[in-house]
């Protein structure tokens, strides 16, 4: 789903948005736990290289609704990451300045 479509959907109905931290310097936006934000018509996920880049690109309306999701050390070292164990760390991003 591209940014324009995502914005239209979020304005019409509640949508769960997450910014997934991967490898410490790659961030991906997951929509409703099943779909990724993509660039334009491409099928590859849109990659952000910082939280601030993600917030700037998504804009205030969307970024205020984002949850930051980071794996714990256990998840990164032991777990395959294919399922949720409830060990992830979540932060609301609405309070992080641009």
Protein backbone atom coordinates (compact mmCIF):
# COMPACT_ATOMS: atom_id res chain seq x y z
CA UNK A 1 0.00 0.00 0.00
CA UNK A 2 1.42 3.38 -0.92
CA UNK A 3 1.34 6.55 1.20
CA UNK A 4 -1.54 8.19 -0.65
CA UNK A 5 -3.77 5.14 -0.23
CA UNK A 6 -2.77 4.73 3.40
CA UNK A 7 -3.61 8.35 4.21
CA UNK A 8 -7.05 8.00 2.62
CA UNK A 9 -7.80 4.80 4.54
CA UNK A 10 -6.61 6.15 7.90
CA UNK A 11 -8.87 9.19 7.54
CA UNK A 12 -11.91 6.92 6.98
CA UNK A 13 -11.42 4.19 9.58
CA UNK A 14 -9.16 3.26 12.49
CA UNK A 15 -5.93 1.68 11.27
CA UNK A 16 -3.18 0.10 13.32
CA UNK A 17 0.22 1.50 12.25
CA UNK A 18 3.58 0.26 13.47
CA UNK A 19 7.12 1.36 12.73
CA UNK A 20 9.17 -1.83 12.90
CA UNK A 21 12.83 -1.49 13.86
CA UNK A 22 14.99 -3.95 11.95
CA UNK A 23 18.74 -4.22 12.41
CA UNK A 24 18.90 -0.90 14.25
CA UNK A 25 19.05 1.34 11.19
CA UNK A 26 16.20 0.08 8.99
CA UNK A 27 12.59 0.92 9.76
CA UNK A 28 9.49 -0.43 8.00
CA UNK A 29 5.88 0.71 8.39
CA UNK A 30 3.41 -2.16 8.96
CA UNK A 31 -0.30 -1.58 8.47
CA UNK A 32 -2.88 -3.62 10.42
CA UNK A 33 -0.30 -6.32 11.24
CA UNK A 34 -0.35 -7.69 7.69
CA UNK A 35 0.62 -5.18 5.02
CA UNK A 36 3.67 -2.98 4.44
CA UNK A 37 3.90 0.62 3.29
CA UNK A 38 5.41 0.59 -0.20
CA UNK A 39 6.88 3.22 -2.50
CA UNK A 40 4.49 4.33 -5.23
CA UNK A 41 3.34 1.24 -7.17
CA UNK A 42 6.27 -0.94 -6.15
CA UNK A 43 5.70 -4.10 -4.13
CA UNK A 44 8.84 -3.75 -1.98
CA UNK A 45 8.39 -2.18 1.47
CA UNK A 46 9.41 1.46 1.87
CA UNK A 47 12.62 1.57 3.91
CA UNK A 48 13.31 4.42 6.32
CA UNK A 49 16.79 4.92 7.76
CA UNK A 50 15.72 6.77 10.90
CA UNK A 51 12.67 7.42 13.02
CA UNK A 52 12.77 11.06 12.00
CA UNK A 53 12.81 10.20 8.28
CA UNK A 54 9.73 8.02 8.82
CA UNK A 55 7.91 10.73 10.77
CA UNK A 56 8.76 13.37 8.16
CA UNK A 57 7.66 11.19 5.23
CA UNK A 58 4.43 10.03 6.87
CA UNK A 59 3.49 13.47 8.13
CA UNK A 60 2.15 14.48 11.53
CA UNK A 61 -1.30 12.93 11.15
CA UNK A 62 0.02 9.41 10.45
CA UNK A 63 3.16 9.55 12.58
CA UNK A 64 1.17 10.55 15.66
CA UNK A 65 -0.64 7.21 15.35
CA UNK A 66 2.50 5.08 14.95
CA UNK A 67 3.73 2.59 17.51
CA UNK A 68 7.46 1.93 17.43
CA UNK A 69 8.14 -1.81 17.70
CA UNK A 70 11.61 -3.06 18.60
CA UNK A 71 12.65 -6.61 19.27
CA UNK A 72 14.20 -7.38 22.60
CA UNK A 73 17.65 -8.90 22.77
CA UNK A 74 16.00 -12.28 23.31
CA UNK A 75 13.93 -11.93 20.12
CA UNK A 76 16.96 -10.99 18.07
CA UNK A 77 19.21 -13.75 19.40
CA UNK A 78 16.85 -16.67 20.03
CA UNK A 79 13.50 -16.17 18.34
CA UNK A 80 12.97 -16.51 14.60
CA UNK A 81 10.78 -13.41 14.61
CA UNK A 82 8.00 -15.23 12.77
CA UNK A 83 5.60 -15.02 15.68
CA UNK A 84 4.89 -12.75 18.60
CA UNK A 85 6.05 -13.74 22.03
CA UNK A 86 4.95 -10.56 23.78
CA UNK A 87 8.58 -9.56 24.38
CA UNK A 88 8.72 -6.72 21.90
CA UNK A 89 9.17 -3.18 23.15
CA UNK A 90 6.55 -0.65 22.02
CA UNK A 91 6.77 3.15 22.14
CA UNK A 92 4.31 5.74 20.93
CA UNK A 93 6.03 8.14 18.54
CA UNK A 94 3.73 11.12 18.94
CA UNK A 95 6.03 12.66 21.58
CA UNK A 96 9.23 12.43 19.60
CA UNK A 97 10.02 15.80 18.01
CA UNK A 98 10.87 16.11 14.34
